[in-house]
N, C-alpha and C. Protein backbone atom coordinates (compact mmCIF):
# COMPACT_ATOMS: atom_id res chain seq x y z
N MET A 1 57.85 -56.43 2.89
CA MET A 1 56.73 -55.53 3.12
C MET A 1 56.98 -54.81 4.44
N VAL A 2 56.78 -53.53 4.43
CA VAL A 2 56.88 -52.76 5.67
C VAL A 2 55.49 -52.26 6.03
N LEU A 3 55.03 -52.66 7.21
CA LEU A 3 53.78 -52.13 7.75
C LEU A 3 54.13 -50.91 8.58
N SER A 4 53.49 -49.81 8.31
CA SER A 4 53.77 -48.60 9.07
C SER A 4 52.46 -47.95 9.49
N GLY A 5 52.54 -47.22 10.58
CA GLY A 5 51.35 -46.56 11.07
C GLY A 5 51.68 -45.54 12.13
N HIS A 6 50.61 -44.95 12.67
CA HIS A 6 50.79 -43.91 13.68
C HIS A 6 49.51 -43.71 14.48
N CYS A 7 49.65 -43.00 15.57
CA CYS A 7 48.50 -42.66 16.41
C CYS A 7 47.75 -41.48 15.78
N LEU A 8 46.68 -41.07 16.41
CA LEU A 8 45.86 -39.98 15.90
C LEU A 8 46.64 -38.67 15.78
N CYS A 9 47.46 -38.35 16.77
CA CYS A 9 48.19 -37.08 16.74
C CYS A 9 49.55 -37.19 16.03
N LYS A 10 49.91 -38.38 15.61
CA LYS A 10 51.15 -38.67 14.89
C LYS A 10 52.41 -38.55 15.74
N SER A 11 52.24 -38.51 17.07
CA SER A 11 53.41 -38.49 17.96
C SER A 11 54.08 -39.84 18.04
N VAL A 12 53.28 -40.91 17.94
CA VAL A 12 53.81 -42.27 17.96
C VAL A 12 53.73 -42.83 16.55
N THR A 13 54.85 -43.36 16.09
CA THR A 13 54.90 -44.01 14.78
C THR A 13 55.51 -45.39 14.97
N TYR A 14 55.23 -46.28 14.03
CA TYR A 14 55.83 -47.61 14.10
C TYR A 14 56.03 -48.17 12.71
N LYS A 15 56.93 -49.15 12.65
CA LYS A 15 57.18 -49.91 11.42
C LYS A 15 57.39 -51.36 11.81
N ALA A 16 56.87 -52.25 10.97
CA ALA A 16 57.08 -53.68 11.12
C ALA A 16 57.57 -54.21 9.78
N ASP A 17 58.79 -54.70 9.76
CA ASP A 17 59.39 -55.21 8.53
C ASP A 17 59.13 -56.72 8.46
N VAL A 18 58.04 -57.10 7.80
CA VAL A 18 57.61 -58.50 7.74
C VAL A 18 57.25 -58.89 6.30
N ASP A 19 57.35 -60.18 6.01
CA ASP A 19 56.88 -60.66 4.72
C ASP A 19 55.36 -60.53 4.64
N LYS A 20 54.71 -60.95 5.71
CA LYS A 20 53.27 -60.79 5.85
C LYS A 20 52.95 -60.97 7.33
N PRO A 21 51.80 -60.45 7.78
CA PRO A 21 51.42 -60.64 9.18
C PRO A 21 51.20 -62.12 9.50
N LEU A 22 51.41 -62.48 10.76
CA LEU A 22 51.14 -63.83 11.21
C LEU A 22 49.64 -64.09 11.29
N LEU A 23 48.88 -63.06 11.59
CA LEU A 23 47.42 -63.15 11.72
C LEU A 23 46.83 -61.77 11.52
N VAL A 24 45.72 -61.71 10.82
CA VAL A 24 44.93 -60.48 10.72
C VAL A 24 43.51 -60.87 11.09
N GLY A 25 42.99 -60.27 12.13
CA GLY A 25 41.67 -60.69 12.56
C GLY A 25 41.02 -59.76 13.56
N TYR A 26 39.87 -60.23 14.02
CA TYR A 26 39.07 -59.51 15.00
C TYR A 26 39.31 -60.13 16.36
N ASP A 27 39.63 -59.31 17.34
CA ASP A 27 39.80 -59.76 18.72
C ASP A 27 38.56 -59.31 19.48
N HIS A 28 37.74 -60.27 19.87
CA HIS A 28 36.46 -59.99 20.54
C HIS A 28 36.56 -59.97 22.05
N CYS A 29 37.76 -60.06 22.62
CA CYS A 29 37.86 -60.12 24.07
C CYS A 29 37.29 -58.84 24.69
N ASP A 30 36.82 -58.97 25.92
CA ASP A 30 36.19 -57.85 26.61
C ASP A 30 37.14 -56.67 26.76
N ASP A 31 38.42 -56.95 27.01
CA ASP A 31 39.40 -55.87 27.16
C ASP A 31 39.55 -55.07 25.86
N CYS A 32 39.59 -55.78 24.71
CA CYS A 32 39.71 -55.08 23.42
C CYS A 32 38.45 -54.28 23.11
N GLN A 33 37.29 -54.80 23.50
CA GLN A 33 36.06 -54.03 23.32
C GLN A 33 36.13 -52.73 24.10
N ARG A 34 36.60 -52.82 25.32
CA ARG A 34 36.68 -51.61 26.16
C ARG A 34 37.75 -50.64 25.64
N GLN A 35 38.91 -51.19 25.24
CA GLN A 35 39.97 -50.30 24.77
C GLN A 35 39.58 -49.62 23.47
N SER A 36 38.93 -50.35 22.57
CA SER A 36 38.57 -49.76 21.28
C SER A 36 37.28 -48.96 21.34
N GLY A 37 36.45 -49.22 22.36
CA GLY A 37 35.15 -48.56 22.43
C GLY A 37 34.21 -49.10 21.36
N SER A 38 34.48 -50.32 20.89
CA SER A 38 33.70 -50.89 19.80
C SER A 38 33.43 -52.37 20.08
N THR A 39 32.93 -53.08 19.08
CA THR A 39 32.56 -54.48 19.26
C THR A 39 33.75 -55.42 19.25
N TYR A 40 34.87 -55.01 18.69
CA TYR A 40 36.09 -55.80 18.66
C TYR A 40 37.24 -54.89 18.26
N SER A 41 38.44 -55.45 18.32
CA SER A 41 39.63 -54.72 17.89
C SER A 41 40.21 -55.45 16.68
N LEU A 42 40.49 -54.73 15.62
CA LEU A 42 41.17 -55.30 14.46
C LEU A 42 42.65 -55.39 14.81
N VAL A 43 43.19 -56.63 14.79
CA VAL A 43 44.59 -56.82 15.18
C VAL A 43 45.39 -57.38 14.01
N VAL A 44 46.64 -56.93 13.94
CA VAL A 44 47.59 -57.39 12.95
C VAL A 44 48.78 -57.92 13.75
N VAL A 45 48.87 -59.23 13.86
CA VAL A 45 49.88 -59.86 14.70
C VAL A 45 51.16 -60.08 13.88
N VAL A 46 52.27 -59.62 14.44
CA VAL A 46 53.58 -59.72 13.77
C VAL A 46 54.63 -60.14 14.80
N PRO A 47 55.78 -60.64 14.34
CA PRO A 47 56.87 -60.93 15.28
C PRO A 47 57.35 -59.64 15.95
N LYS A 48 57.47 -59.69 17.26
CA LYS A 48 57.86 -58.49 18.01
C LYS A 48 59.24 -57.97 17.62
N ASP A 49 60.15 -58.88 17.27
CA ASP A 49 61.50 -58.44 16.94
C ASP A 49 61.58 -57.74 15.58
N LYS A 50 60.49 -57.69 14.86
CA LYS A 50 60.44 -57.00 13.56
C LYS A 50 59.81 -55.61 13.67
N VAL A 51 59.45 -55.19 14.88
CA VAL A 51 58.72 -53.94 15.09
C VAL A 51 59.59 -52.89 15.77
N THR A 52 59.51 -51.67 15.26
CA THR A 52 60.14 -50.51 15.88
C THR A 52 59.04 -49.50 16.16
N ILE A 53 58.93 -49.07 17.41
CA ILE A 53 57.94 -48.06 17.80
C ILE A 53 58.69 -46.87 18.34
N GLU A 54 58.32 -45.68 17.85
CA GLU A 54 58.96 -44.44 18.31
C GLU A 54 57.90 -43.47 18.79
N GLY A 55 58.24 -42.70 19.79
CA GLY A 55 57.34 -41.67 20.29
C GLY A 55 56.95 -41.92 21.74
N PRO A 56 56.13 -41.02 22.29
CA PRO A 56 55.79 -41.06 23.71
C PRO A 56 54.72 -42.12 24.03
N LEU A 57 55.18 -43.31 24.37
CA LEU A 57 54.26 -44.41 24.71
C LEU A 57 54.02 -44.49 26.20
N LYS A 58 52.82 -44.91 26.54
CA LYS A 58 52.52 -45.34 27.89
C LYS A 58 52.09 -46.79 27.76
N LYS A 59 52.21 -47.53 28.84
CA LYS A 59 51.70 -48.89 28.81
C LYS A 59 50.98 -49.19 30.10
N TRP A 60 49.99 -50.04 29.96
CA TRP A 60 49.19 -50.46 31.09
C TRP A 60 49.02 -51.96 31.00
N GLY A 61 49.17 -52.65 32.10
CA GLY A 61 49.11 -54.10 32.07
C GLY A 61 48.07 -54.66 33.02
N ALA A 62 47.50 -55.79 32.61
CA ALA A 62 46.56 -56.54 33.44
C ALA A 62 46.70 -58.01 33.08
N PRO A 63 46.36 -58.89 34.02
CA PRO A 63 46.47 -60.32 33.72
C PRO A 63 45.52 -60.74 32.60
N GLY A 64 46.05 -61.54 31.67
CA GLY A 64 45.23 -62.14 30.64
C GLY A 64 44.73 -63.50 31.10
N SER A 65 44.13 -64.26 30.22
CA SER A 65 43.58 -65.56 30.58
C SER A 65 44.65 -66.54 31.05
N SER A 66 45.88 -66.34 30.62
CA SER A 66 46.98 -67.22 31.03
C SER A 66 47.46 -66.92 32.45
N GLY A 67 47.01 -65.78 32.98
CA GLY A 67 47.52 -65.32 34.27
C GLY A 67 48.71 -64.38 34.11
N LYS A 68 49.30 -64.37 32.91
CA LYS A 68 50.41 -63.47 32.63
C LYS A 68 49.88 -62.13 32.14
N THR A 69 50.69 -61.11 32.25
CA THR A 69 50.27 -59.75 31.91
C THR A 69 50.15 -59.55 30.40
N VAL A 70 49.09 -58.85 30.02
CA VAL A 70 48.95 -58.33 28.66
C VAL A 70 49.16 -56.83 28.78
N TRP A 71 50.19 -56.35 28.09
CA TRP A 71 50.53 -54.92 28.12
C TRP A 71 49.80 -54.22 26.98
N ARG A 72 49.13 -53.15 27.29
CA ARG A 72 48.44 -52.33 26.29
C ARG A 72 49.28 -51.08 26.09
N LEU A 73 49.73 -50.86 24.85
CA LEU A 73 50.58 -49.72 24.52
C LEU A 73 49.72 -48.66 23.85
N PHE A 74 49.87 -47.42 24.30
CA PHE A 74 49.09 -46.34 23.72
C PHE A 74 49.88 -45.04 23.75
N CYS A 75 49.46 -44.12 22.90
CA CYS A 75 50.12 -42.81 22.83
C CYS A 75 49.83 -42.04 24.10
N SER A 76 50.88 -41.51 24.73
CA SER A 76 50.68 -40.74 25.96
C SER A 76 50.12 -39.35 25.69
N GLU A 77 50.12 -38.92 24.43
CA GLU A 77 49.59 -37.60 24.08
C GLU A 77 48.10 -37.65 23.75
N CYS A 78 47.71 -38.53 22.80
CA CYS A 78 46.31 -38.56 22.35
C CYS A 78 45.54 -39.77 22.84
N GLY A 79 46.21 -40.75 23.42
CA GLY A 79 45.55 -41.92 23.97
C GLY A 79 45.23 -43.02 22.97
N SER A 80 45.61 -42.85 21.71
CA SER A 80 45.32 -43.89 20.72
C SER A 80 45.98 -45.21 21.09
N PRO A 81 45.21 -46.31 21.06
CA PRO A 81 45.83 -47.61 21.29
C PRO A 81 46.72 -47.97 20.10
N ILE A 82 47.91 -48.48 20.38
CA ILE A 82 48.87 -48.84 19.33
C ILE A 82 49.00 -50.35 19.20
N ALA A 83 49.07 -51.05 20.32
CA ALA A 83 49.30 -52.49 20.27
C ALA A 83 48.96 -53.12 21.61
N HIS A 84 48.83 -54.43 21.60
CA HIS A 84 48.90 -55.16 22.86
C HIS A 84 49.98 -56.22 22.75
N ASP A 85 50.67 -56.38 23.87
CA ASP A 85 51.91 -57.14 23.95
C ASP A 85 51.78 -58.16 25.08
N PRO A 86 51.45 -59.42 24.75
CA PRO A 86 51.18 -60.42 25.79
C PRO A 86 52.45 -61.11 26.30
N ASP A 87 52.65 -61.10 27.61
CA ASP A 87 53.78 -61.82 28.20
C ASP A 87 53.68 -63.33 27.94
N ALA A 88 52.47 -63.84 27.74
CA ALA A 88 52.28 -65.28 27.48
C ALA A 88 52.83 -65.70 26.12
N ALA A 89 52.98 -64.74 25.21
CA ALA A 89 53.53 -65.02 23.88
C ALA A 89 54.54 -63.93 23.55
N PRO A 90 55.71 -63.97 24.19
CA PRO A 90 56.68 -62.88 24.08
C PRO A 90 57.26 -62.66 22.69
N GLU A 91 57.05 -63.60 21.78
CA GLU A 91 57.60 -63.46 20.44
C GLU A 91 56.71 -62.63 19.51
N ILE A 92 55.49 -62.31 19.93
CA ILE A 92 54.58 -61.58 19.04
C ILE A 92 54.10 -60.28 19.68
N ILE A 93 53.55 -59.42 18.83
CA ILE A 93 52.86 -58.21 19.28
C ILE A 93 51.68 -58.01 18.33
N ALA A 94 50.57 -57.55 18.88
CA ALA A 94 49.36 -57.34 18.08
C ALA A 94 49.16 -55.84 17.86
N LEU A 95 49.48 -55.39 16.67
CA LEU A 95 49.29 -53.99 16.31
C LEU A 95 47.80 -53.73 16.10
N LYS A 96 47.35 -52.56 16.46
CA LYS A 96 45.95 -52.19 16.24
C LYS A 96 45.80 -51.77 14.78
N GLY A 97 45.04 -52.56 14.03
CA GLY A 97 44.92 -52.39 12.58
C GLY A 97 44.47 -51.01 12.13
N GLY A 98 43.65 -50.37 12.94
CA GLY A 98 43.16 -49.04 12.58
C GLY A 98 44.23 -47.97 12.58
N THR A 99 45.40 -48.27 13.18
CA THR A 99 46.48 -47.28 13.23
C THR A 99 47.45 -47.41 12.05
N LEU A 100 47.26 -48.45 11.22
CA LEU A 100 48.12 -48.58 10.02
C LEU A 100 47.90 -47.41 9.08
N ASP A 101 48.90 -47.11 8.27
CA ASP A 101 48.74 -46.09 7.23
C ASP A 101 47.54 -46.47 6.36
N THR A 102 46.81 -45.46 5.90
CA THR A 102 45.53 -45.66 5.22
C THR A 102 45.59 -46.67 4.08
N GLU A 103 46.53 -46.54 3.19
CA GLU A 103 46.59 -47.45 2.05
C GLU A 103 46.89 -48.89 2.47
N LEU A 104 47.64 -49.06 3.54
CA LEU A 104 47.95 -50.40 4.03
C LEU A 104 46.72 -51.06 4.65
N LYS A 105 45.98 -50.31 5.47
CA LYS A 105 44.83 -50.93 6.13
C LYS A 105 43.71 -51.25 5.14
N LYS A 106 43.65 -50.53 4.04
CA LYS A 106 42.65 -50.85 3.02
C LYS A 106 42.90 -52.22 2.39
N LYS A 107 44.15 -52.69 2.46
CA LYS A 107 44.53 -53.96 1.82
C LYS A 107 44.48 -55.15 2.79
N LEU A 108 44.14 -54.91 4.03
CA LEU A 108 44.07 -56.01 5.00
C LEU A 108 42.96 -56.98 4.63
N THR A 109 43.19 -58.26 4.89
CA THR A 109 42.17 -59.27 4.65
C THR A 109 42.01 -60.11 5.92
N PRO A 110 41.23 -59.61 6.88
CA PRO A 110 41.03 -60.37 8.10
C PRO A 110 40.34 -61.70 7.79
N ASP A 111 40.84 -62.77 8.40
CA ASP A 111 40.21 -64.07 8.19
C ASP A 111 40.05 -64.86 9.50
N THR A 112 40.47 -64.27 10.61
CA THR A 112 40.47 -64.97 11.89
C THR A 112 39.73 -64.15 12.94
N GLU A 113 38.99 -64.84 13.77
CA GLU A 113 38.36 -64.21 14.93
C GLU A 113 38.86 -64.93 16.17
N ILE A 114 39.30 -64.15 17.17
CA ILE A 114 39.73 -64.74 18.43
C ILE A 114 38.83 -64.24 19.54
N TRP A 115 38.77 -65.02 20.59
CA TRP A 115 37.94 -64.73 21.75
C TRP A 115 36.46 -64.61 21.38
N THR A 116 36.00 -65.50 20.49
CA THR A 116 34.58 -65.47 20.11
C THR A 116 33.66 -65.79 21.28
N VAL A 117 34.22 -66.36 22.35
CA VAL A 117 33.44 -66.61 23.55
C VAL A 117 32.89 -65.28 24.10
N SER A 118 33.55 -64.17 23.80
CA SER A 118 33.12 -62.83 24.24
C SER A 118 32.46 -62.03 23.12
N LYS A 119 32.28 -62.64 21.97
CA LYS A 119 31.69 -61.93 20.81
C LYS A 119 30.28 -61.48 21.16
N LEU A 120 29.99 -60.24 20.89
CA LEU A 120 28.67 -59.70 21.18
C LEU A 120 27.64 -60.33 20.23
N PRO A 121 26.45 -60.65 20.76
CA PRO A 121 25.48 -61.42 19.96
C PRO A 121 24.98 -60.71 18.71
N PHE A 122 25.06 -59.40 18.66
CA PHE A 122 24.57 -58.68 17.48
C PHE A 122 25.65 -58.51 16.41
N CYS A 123 26.86 -58.95 16.69
CA CYS A 123 27.96 -58.87 15.72
C CYS A 123 27.73 -59.97 14.68
N GLN A 124 27.39 -59.60 13.47
CA GLN A 124 26.94 -60.53 12.45
C GLN A 124 28.04 -61.09 11.55
N GLU A 125 29.22 -60.53 11.57
CA GLU A 125 30.29 -61.02 10.72
C GLU A 125 30.81 -62.35 11.23
N HIS A 126 31.12 -63.24 10.29
CA HIS A 126 31.70 -64.54 10.63
C HIS A 126 32.86 -64.79 9.69
N LEU A 127 34.07 -64.76 10.24
CA LEU A 127 35.27 -64.98 9.44
C LEU A 127 35.59 -66.47 9.35
N ALA A 128 36.47 -66.82 8.45
CA ALA A 128 36.75 -68.22 8.12
C ALA A 128 37.34 -69.02 9.28
N HIS A 129 38.10 -68.37 10.15
CA HIS A 129 38.81 -69.10 11.21
C HIS A 129 38.45 -68.55 12.59
N PRO A 130 37.36 -69.05 13.19
CA PRO A 130 36.98 -68.58 14.53
C PRO A 130 37.61 -69.43 15.64
N PHE A 131 38.00 -68.78 16.71
CA PHE A 131 38.54 -69.47 17.89
C PHE A 131 37.84 -68.92 19.12
N GLU A 132 37.34 -69.80 19.98
CA GLU A 132 36.68 -69.35 21.21
C GLU A 132 37.64 -68.55 22.09
N HIS A 133 38.89 -68.94 22.09
CA HIS A 133 39.91 -68.24 22.87
C HIS A 133 41.05 -67.89 21.92
N MET A 134 42.27 -68.14 22.31
CA MET A 134 43.42 -67.89 21.44
C MET A 134 43.73 -69.15 20.63
N PRO A 135 44.18 -69.00 19.38
CA PRO A 135 44.62 -70.19 18.64
C PRO A 135 45.85 -70.80 19.30
N GLN A 136 45.94 -72.09 19.27
CA GLN A 136 47.08 -72.78 19.90
C GLN A 136 48.18 -73.00 18.90
């Protein structure tokens, strides 16, 4: 299966050649709320070595809960968030689910919620696998 997607202006494109994502879920952390401008970020976690990203990327980093940097990758042209790349887990990258090609994102089946400790109280969805922080 190839997961492919792009930013709003289509300057940044990516492909992930995976059998299936490692995790599809809602990330409720405060940083994802701010980056997405919404109640959570839909993330599709895949092995980083299976991903190719092309186009004008910028990245911004800040310490995550581990103390290590979480890099936020976004299009330098339109500002669309593409992924977050945590130094604490260098083998994975979390693609922003909303940037997947339309037919692919329609088939996503999120079942995990992470950082529910930051979940906004009015968010009524409850997925099968909630974690207060990151799954171990």
